[in-house]
N, C-alpha and C. Protein backbone atom coordinates (compact mmCIF):
# COMPACT_ATOMS: atom_id res chain seq x y z
N MET A 1 -15.33 42.31 -16.43
CA MET A 1 -13.90 42.18 -16.23
C MET A 1 -13.53 40.71 -16.39
N LEU A 2 -12.37 40.49 -16.99
CA LEU A 2 -11.87 39.14 -17.21
C LEU A 2 -11.11 38.64 -15.99
N THR A 3 -11.16 37.33 -15.77
CA THR A 3 -10.30 36.76 -14.75
C THR A 3 -8.88 36.68 -15.31
N ARG A 4 -7.93 36.44 -14.42
CA ARG A 4 -6.53 36.30 -14.85
C ARG A 4 -6.41 35.17 -15.87
N ASN A 5 -7.04 34.03 -15.59
CA ASN A 5 -6.96 32.89 -16.50
C ASN A 5 -7.57 33.21 -17.86
N GLU A 6 -8.73 33.86 -17.85
CA GLU A 6 -9.39 34.20 -19.11
C GLU A 6 -8.54 35.16 -19.94
N PHE A 7 -7.95 36.15 -19.27
CA PHE A 7 -7.10 37.11 -19.98
C PHE A 7 -5.91 36.40 -20.62
N HIS A 8 -5.31 35.48 -19.91
CA HIS A 8 -4.17 34.75 -20.47
C HIS A 8 -4.58 33.85 -21.63
N VAL A 9 -5.77 33.27 -21.57
CA VAL A 9 -6.26 32.47 -22.70
C VAL A 9 -6.40 33.36 -23.93
N LEU A 10 -7.00 34.54 -23.74
CA LEU A 10 -7.14 35.47 -24.87
C LEU A 10 -5.78 35.88 -25.42
N LEU A 11 -4.82 36.15 -24.53
CA LEU A 11 -3.48 36.52 -24.99
C LEU A 11 -2.87 35.39 -25.82
N ALA A 12 -3.07 34.16 -25.38
CA ALA A 12 -2.51 33.01 -26.11
C ALA A 12 -3.13 32.89 -27.50
N LEU A 13 -4.38 33.30 -27.64
CA LEU A 13 -5.07 33.16 -28.93
C LEU A 13 -4.81 34.33 -29.88
N LEU A 14 -4.14 35.36 -29.42
CA LEU A 14 -3.87 36.52 -30.29
C LEU A 14 -3.00 36.14 -31.49
N ASP A 15 -2.14 35.15 -31.33
CA ASP A 15 -1.25 34.74 -32.43
C ASP A 15 -1.93 33.79 -33.40
N GLY A 16 -3.16 33.38 -33.12
CA GLY A 16 -3.86 32.48 -34.03
C GLY A 16 -4.53 31.35 -33.28
N PRO A 17 -5.32 30.55 -34.00
CA PRO A 17 -6.07 29.46 -33.37
C PRO A 17 -5.15 28.46 -32.67
N ARG A 18 -5.66 27.91 -31.58
CA ARG A 18 -4.92 26.92 -30.79
C ARG A 18 -5.89 25.87 -30.27
N HIS A 19 -5.38 24.69 -30.03
CA HIS A 19 -6.15 23.67 -29.32
C HIS A 19 -5.82 23.82 -27.83
N GLY A 20 -6.54 23.13 -26.98
CA GLY A 20 -6.39 23.30 -25.54
C GLY A 20 -4.97 23.14 -25.04
N TYR A 21 -4.29 22.08 -25.45
CA TYR A 21 -2.93 21.86 -24.98
C TYR A 21 -2.02 22.99 -25.44
N GLY A 22 -2.21 23.47 -26.66
CA GLY A 22 -1.41 24.59 -27.17
C GLY A 22 -1.64 25.85 -26.35
N ILE A 23 -2.88 26.08 -25.93
CA ILE A 23 -3.19 27.24 -25.09
C ILE A 23 -2.46 27.10 -23.75
N MET A 24 -2.54 25.90 -23.15
CA MET A 24 -1.85 25.68 -21.87
C MET A 24 -0.35 25.97 -21.99
N GLN A 25 0.26 25.48 -23.07
CA GLN A 25 1.69 25.69 -23.28
C GLN A 25 2.01 27.16 -23.49
N ASP A 26 1.18 27.86 -24.28
CA ASP A 26 1.41 29.29 -24.53
C ASP A 26 1.29 30.11 -23.25
N VAL A 27 0.29 29.81 -22.43
CA VAL A 27 0.12 30.54 -21.17
C VAL A 27 1.32 30.30 -20.26
N LYS A 28 1.77 29.07 -20.20
CA LYS A 28 2.95 28.75 -19.38
C LYS A 28 4.15 29.54 -19.87
N GLU A 29 4.33 29.62 -21.19
CA GLU A 29 5.46 30.36 -21.77
C GLU A 29 5.31 31.86 -21.55
N LEU A 30 4.10 32.40 -21.76
CA LEU A 30 3.85 33.84 -21.59
C LEU A 30 4.16 34.30 -20.17
N THR A 31 3.96 33.41 -19.20
CA THR A 31 4.15 33.77 -17.80
C THR A 31 5.44 33.21 -17.23
N SER A 32 6.33 32.75 -18.11
CA SER A 32 7.61 32.15 -17.68
C SER A 32 7.39 31.05 -16.65
N GLY A 33 6.34 30.27 -16.85
CA GLY A 33 6.04 29.14 -15.98
C GLY A 33 5.30 29.48 -14.71
N GLU A 34 5.01 30.76 -14.49
CA GLU A 34 4.33 31.18 -13.26
C GLU A 34 2.88 30.71 -13.21
N LEU A 35 2.22 30.69 -14.35
CA LEU A 35 0.82 30.26 -14.41
C LEU A 35 0.73 29.00 -15.25
N LYS A 36 0.31 27.93 -14.61
CA LYS A 36 0.13 26.65 -15.31
C LYS A 36 -1.34 26.28 -15.20
N LEU A 37 -2.05 26.36 -16.31
CA LEU A 37 -3.47 26.03 -16.32
C LEU A 37 -3.64 24.53 -16.48
N GLY A 38 -4.35 23.92 -15.55
CA GLY A 38 -4.70 22.52 -15.70
C GLY A 38 -5.91 22.40 -16.61
N PRO A 39 -6.21 21.18 -17.06
CA PRO A 39 -7.34 21.00 -17.99
C PRO A 39 -8.67 21.52 -17.45
N GLY A 40 -8.97 21.28 -16.20
CA GLY A 40 -10.25 21.74 -15.64
C GLY A 40 -10.35 23.25 -15.62
N THR A 41 -9.28 23.90 -15.19
CA THR A 41 -9.24 25.36 -15.15
C THR A 41 -9.33 25.94 -16.55
N LEU A 42 -8.56 25.36 -17.47
CA LEU A 42 -8.55 25.83 -18.85
C LEU A 42 -9.93 25.73 -19.48
N TYR A 43 -10.55 24.55 -19.39
CA TYR A 43 -11.82 24.36 -20.08
C TYR A 43 -12.96 25.11 -19.41
N THR A 44 -12.85 25.41 -18.13
CA THR A 44 -13.83 26.29 -17.48
C THR A 44 -13.71 27.69 -18.07
N ALA A 45 -12.47 28.18 -18.22
CA ALA A 45 -12.25 29.51 -18.82
C ALA A 45 -12.73 29.53 -20.26
N ILE A 46 -12.42 28.48 -21.02
CA ILE A 46 -12.84 28.41 -22.42
C ILE A 46 -14.36 28.45 -22.53
N ALA A 47 -15.05 27.70 -21.68
CA ALA A 47 -16.53 27.69 -21.72
C ALA A 47 -17.09 29.08 -21.43
N ARG A 48 -16.53 29.77 -20.45
CA ARG A 48 -17.00 31.12 -20.12
C ARG A 48 -16.74 32.10 -21.26
N LEU A 49 -15.55 31.99 -21.85
CA LEU A 49 -15.20 32.88 -22.97
C LEU A 49 -16.07 32.61 -24.19
N GLU A 50 -16.38 31.35 -24.44
CA GLU A 50 -17.28 31.02 -25.57
C GLU A 50 -18.67 31.56 -25.33
N ARG A 51 -19.20 31.36 -24.11
CA ARG A 51 -20.55 31.87 -23.79
C ARG A 51 -20.63 33.38 -23.95
N ALA A 52 -19.53 34.06 -23.63
CA ALA A 52 -19.49 35.53 -23.73
C ALA A 52 -19.22 36.00 -25.16
N GLY A 53 -18.95 35.07 -26.08
CA GLY A 53 -18.67 35.44 -27.47
C GLY A 53 -17.27 35.99 -27.69
N LEU A 54 -16.37 35.74 -26.75
CA LEU A 54 -15.01 36.27 -26.85
C LEU A 54 -14.08 35.34 -27.62
N ILE A 55 -14.42 34.07 -27.66
CA ILE A 55 -13.70 33.10 -28.48
C ILE A 55 -14.72 32.22 -29.18
N GLY A 56 -14.28 31.55 -30.22
CA GLY A 56 -15.15 30.62 -30.92
C GLY A 56 -14.37 29.37 -31.29
N GLU A 57 -15.11 28.31 -31.47
CA GLU A 57 -14.47 27.07 -31.87
C GLU A 57 -14.25 27.10 -33.38
N CYS A 58 -13.12 26.62 -33.84
CA CYS A 58 -12.85 26.53 -35.26
C CYS A 58 -12.69 25.05 -35.62
N GLU A 59 -12.42 24.78 -36.87
CA GLU A 59 -12.33 23.38 -37.30
C GLU A 59 -11.26 22.64 -36.52
N ALA A 60 -11.55 21.40 -36.20
CA ALA A 60 -10.61 20.57 -35.47
C ALA A 60 -9.35 20.36 -36.32
N ASP A 61 -8.23 20.15 -35.64
CA ASP A 61 -6.99 19.91 -36.38
C ASP A 61 -6.92 18.46 -36.86
N ALA A 62 -5.81 18.07 -37.42
CA ALA A 62 -5.65 16.73 -37.99
C ALA A 62 -5.86 15.63 -36.95
N ASP A 63 -5.60 15.93 -35.68
CA ASP A 63 -5.78 14.94 -34.61
C ASP A 63 -7.17 15.01 -33.99
N ARG A 64 -8.06 15.77 -34.62
CA ARG A 64 -9.45 15.94 -34.18
C ARG A 64 -9.57 16.63 -32.82
N ARG A 65 -8.59 17.43 -32.48
CA ARG A 65 -8.67 18.19 -31.23
C ARG A 65 -9.45 19.47 -31.49
N ARG A 66 -10.25 19.87 -30.53
CA ARG A 66 -10.99 21.12 -30.67
C ARG A 66 -10.01 22.28 -30.73
N CYS A 67 -10.34 23.23 -31.55
CA CYS A 67 -9.47 24.37 -31.80
C CYS A 67 -10.28 25.64 -31.52
N TYR A 68 -9.62 26.64 -30.96
CA TYR A 68 -10.31 27.88 -30.59
C TYR A 68 -9.60 29.08 -31.21
N ARG A 69 -10.39 30.12 -31.48
CA ARG A 69 -9.87 31.36 -32.04
C ARG A 69 -10.51 32.52 -31.28
N ILE A 70 -9.80 33.63 -31.23
CA ILE A 70 -10.33 34.82 -30.58
C ILE A 70 -11.25 35.54 -31.56
N THR A 71 -12.32 36.11 -31.07
CA THR A 71 -13.25 36.88 -31.91
C THR A 71 -12.89 38.36 -31.82
N ARG A 72 -13.52 39.14 -32.66
CA ARG A 72 -13.33 40.60 -32.62
C ARG A 72 -13.71 41.14 -31.23
N LYS A 73 -14.81 40.63 -30.70
CA LYS A 73 -15.26 41.03 -29.37
C LYS A 73 -14.22 40.62 -28.32
N GLY A 74 -13.59 39.46 -28.52
CA GLY A 74 -12.55 39.00 -27.60
C GLY A 74 -11.32 39.89 -27.64
N LYS A 75 -10.92 40.33 -28.84
CA LYS A 75 -9.78 41.23 -28.96
C LYS A 75 -10.08 42.55 -28.25
N SER A 76 -11.30 43.03 -28.40
CA SER A 76 -11.70 44.27 -27.75
C SER A 76 -11.66 44.11 -26.22
N ALA A 77 -12.17 42.98 -25.72
CA ALA A 77 -12.16 42.73 -24.28
C ALA A 77 -10.73 42.62 -23.76
N ALA A 78 -9.85 41.96 -24.51
CA ALA A 78 -8.46 41.83 -24.09
C ALA A 78 -7.78 43.20 -24.07
N SER A 79 -8.09 44.03 -25.05
CA SER A 79 -7.52 45.37 -25.10
C SER A 79 -7.99 46.20 -23.91
N GLU A 80 -9.27 46.12 -23.59
CA GLU A 80 -9.81 46.85 -22.43
C GLU A 80 -9.14 46.39 -21.14
N GLU A 81 -8.92 45.07 -21.01
CA GLU A 81 -8.28 44.54 -19.81
C GLU A 81 -6.83 45.01 -19.72
N ALA A 82 -6.13 45.05 -20.85
CA ALA A 82 -4.75 45.53 -20.87
C ALA A 82 -4.69 47.00 -20.44
N GLU A 83 -5.65 47.80 -20.90
CA GLU A 83 -5.71 49.21 -20.49
C GLU A 83 -5.99 49.34 -19.01
N ARG A 84 -6.87 48.51 -18.48
CA ARG A 84 -7.18 48.52 -17.05
C ARG A 84 -5.92 48.20 -16.25
N LEU A 85 -5.17 47.20 -16.69
CA LEU A 85 -3.94 46.82 -16.00
C LEU A 85 -2.88 47.92 -16.10
N ARG A 86 -2.82 48.59 -17.25
CA ARG A 86 -1.87 49.69 -17.40
C ARG A 86 -2.18 50.80 -16.40
N ALA A 87 -3.46 51.11 -16.21
CA ALA A 87 -3.85 52.14 -15.25
C ALA A 87 -3.47 51.72 -13.82
N LEU A 88 -3.59 50.44 -13.51
CA LEU A 88 -3.19 49.97 -12.18
C LEU A 88 -1.68 50.10 -11.98
N VAL A 89 -0.92 49.80 -13.01
CA VAL A 89 0.54 49.93 -12.92
C VAL A 89 0.92 51.40 -12.72
N ARG A 90 0.25 52.29 -13.43
CA ARG A 90 0.51 53.73 -13.26
C ARG A 90 0.23 54.15 -11.82
N ALA A 91 -0.88 53.66 -11.26
CA ALA A 91 -1.23 54.01 -9.87
C ALA A 91 -0.20 53.42 -8.91
N ALA A 92 0.27 52.23 -9.18
CA ALA A 92 1.28 51.61 -8.32
C ALA A 92 2.59 52.40 -8.36
N ARG A 93 2.95 52.89 -9.54
CA ARG A 93 4.17 53.72 -9.68
C ARG A 93 3.99 55.03 -8.91
N LYS A 94 2.83 55.64 -9.08
CA LYS A 94 2.55 56.92 -8.41
C LYS A 94 2.60 56.75 -6.90
N GLY A 95 2.14 55.61 -6.43
CA GLY A 95 2.15 55.35 -4.98
C GLY A 95 3.48 54.83 -4.46
N GLY A 96 4.45 54.69 -5.35
CA GLY A 96 5.77 54.27 -4.89
C GLY A 96 5.95 52.76 -4.80
N LEU A 97 4.98 52.00 -5.25
CA LEU A 97 5.10 50.55 -5.19
C LEU A 97 6.02 50.00 -6.26
N LEU A 98 6.12 50.70 -7.37
CA LEU A 98 6.98 50.29 -8.49
C LEU A 98 7.85 51.46 -8.89
N PRO A 99 9.04 51.17 -9.40
CA PRO A 99 9.88 52.28 -9.88
C PRO A 99 9.26 52.90 -11.13
N ASN A 100 9.55 54.16 -11.36
CA ASN A 100 9.07 54.83 -12.56
C ASN A 100 9.71 54.21 -13.79
N ALA A 101 8.97 54.15 -14.87
CA ALA A 101 9.47 53.59 -16.12
C ALA A 101 10.56 54.50 -16.67
N SER A 102 11.57 53.90 -17.25
CA SER A 102 12.66 54.69 -17.84
C SER A 102 12.36 55.08 -19.24
C-alpha cells in the first residue's frame, strides 16, 4: 500500500516527467494547498518509489535538476490505490458518513 505522500507523487507524475520542485507544486495544486510536501518528505517518498520500481529518473532538464517519470508498475500501483480509496468512499457512503453520489 502506498502512503498518502507517495500516492500524490505518482498522481503528479501521471501528466509527464517532473523535477522535484515541479512535483511539490503539482501536489500542492492537486490538493488545493492542503498537502505541501517539503524537500525532505518529497525526496524520502521519491527514494522509496524508486526502490520499488514505481518511478524512475530521467534525463536532467536544462538546469541540471533531476527529473522523474512514472513507470508502468507505478501506474498500476496508483490505479490499485485509487480503487482501494474508491472502495473506502463506498463504505463511508453506505455507513452514512458521506452523502450518496448524485
